[in-house]
Amino acid sequence: MTGHGTKFGRKKEDAIVALLTTRTVEEAARVVNISPRTLLRWMKEPEFDLAFRAAKRAAFGQAIGRLHHLSSAAVSTLGKAREPILP
């Protein structure tokens, strides 16, 4: 059950998403409608830090997988676009 008093609530989950999708802590805090000071404090909590690191790893892994998948098509396209060099 989630709600007031739970260890890891919706706001903290939203904060992790905001940290992954914005450029600064201040911007992430604004998105979640909390103060940057609160977000920085949460980032020092072991549970939050663990969840944030796991989310970063997952996002990084997905990005690498997508790059791997698209790299063959990119090389093929570059190969087709290459024009012969004229003397």
Protein backbone atom coordinates (compact mmCIF):
# COMPACT_ATOMS: atom_id res chain seq x y z
CA MET A 1 0.00 0.00 0.00
CA THR A 2 1.36 3.40 -0.91
CA GLY A 3 0.50 6.72 0.58
CA HIS A 4 1.62 9.12 3.25
CA GLY A 5 4.33 7.67 5.42
CA THR A 6 5.55 5.03 3.00
CA LYS A 7 9.28 4.75 2.55
CA PHE A 8 9.27 5.24 -1.19
CA GLY A 9 6.36 7.16 -2.57
CA ARG A 10 5.11 8.41 -5.90
CA LYS A 11 6.95 11.74 -5.61
CA LYS A 12 10.27 9.96 -5.25
CA GLU A 13 9.51 7.76 -8.26
CA ASP A 14 8.58 10.88 -10.23
CA ALA A 15 11.80 12.53 -9.05
CA ILE A 16 13.88 9.65 -10.42
CA VAL A 17 12.17 9.94 -13.79
CA ALA A 18 12.71 13.70 -13.74
CA LEU A 19 16.40 13.26 -12.90
CA LEU A 20 16.76 10.95 -15.90
CA THR A 21 14.95 13.28 -18.31
CA THR A 22 16.13 16.75 -17.31
CA ARG A 23 19.54 18.41 -17.33
CA THR A 24 19.82 19.65 -13.76
CA VAL A 25 18.69 18.81 -10.26
CA GLU A 26 16.94 22.18 -10.12
CA GLU A 27 14.98 21.42 -13.28
CA ALA A 28 14.07 17.95 -12.02
CA ALA A 29 12.86 19.39 -8.73
CA ARG A 30 10.73 21.95 -10.58
CA VAL A 31 9.12 19.19 -12.68
CA VAL A 32 8.18 17.24 -9.54
CA ASN A 33 7.12 20.39 -7.72
CA ILE A 34 9.57 20.06 -4.83
CA SER A 35 12.48 22.21 -3.74
CA PRO A 36 15.97 21.42 -5.06
CA ARG A 37 17.09 21.11 -1.44
CA THR A 38 14.54 18.32 -0.86
CA LEU A 39 15.67 16.48 -3.97
CA LEU A 40 19.31 16.75 -2.97
CA ARG A 41 18.41 15.37 0.46
CA TRP A 42 16.54 12.45 -1.14
CA MET A 43 19.54 11.74 -3.36
CA LYS A 44 21.59 11.10 -0.21
CA GLU A 45 19.13 8.50 1.09
CA PRO A 46 20.43 4.95 0.44
CA GLU A 47 17.06 3.65 -0.80
CA PHE A 48 16.62 6.54 -3.23
CA ASP A 49 20.22 6.30 -4.40
CA LEU A 50 19.84 2.57 -5.05
CA ALA A 51 16.63 3.07 -7.04
CA PHE A 52 18.13 5.97 -9.00
CA ARG A 53 21.25 3.96 -9.89
CA ALA A 54 19.11 1.01 -11.00
CA ALA A 55 17.00 3.31 -13.19
CA LYS A 56 20.14 4.85 -14.72
CA ARG A 57 21.56 1.41 -15.47
CA ALA A 58 18.31 0.33 -17.10
CA ALA A 59 18.10 3.50 -19.21
CA PHE A 60 21.74 3.15 -20.25
CA GLY A 61 21.25 -0.50 -21.14
CA GLN A 62 18.23 0.33 -23.27
CA ALA A 63 20.13 3.09 -25.05
CA ILE A 64 23.06 0.77 -25.80
CA GLY A 65 20.68 -1.89 -27.09
CA ARG A 66 18.98 0.61 -29.36
CA LEU A 67 22.33 1.86 -30.70
CA HIS A 68 23.42 -1.71 -31.34
CA HIS A 69 20.18 -2.43 -33.20
CA LEU A 70 20.39 0.71 -35.34
CA SER A 71 24.12 0.60 -36.08
CA SER A 72 23.81 -1.97 -38.88
CA ALA A 73 21.22 0.12 -40.69
CA ALA A 74 23.35 3.24 -40.24
CA VAL A 75 26.44 1.58 -41.71
CA SER A 76 24.42 0.25 -44.63
CA THR A 77 22.97 3.69 -45.34
CA LEU A 78 26.41 5.29 -45.21
CA GLY A 79 27.77 2.65 -47.55
CA LYS A 80 25.00 3.32 -50.08
CA ALA A 81 25.48 7.09 -49.87
CA ARG A 82 29.22 6.95 -50.49
CA GLU A 83 30.15 8.27 -53.90
CA PRO A 84 33.22 7.13 -55.75
CA ILE A 85 36.14 9.50 -55.43
CA LEU A 86 36.96 11.11 -58.76
CA PRO A 87 40.60 11.74 -59.72
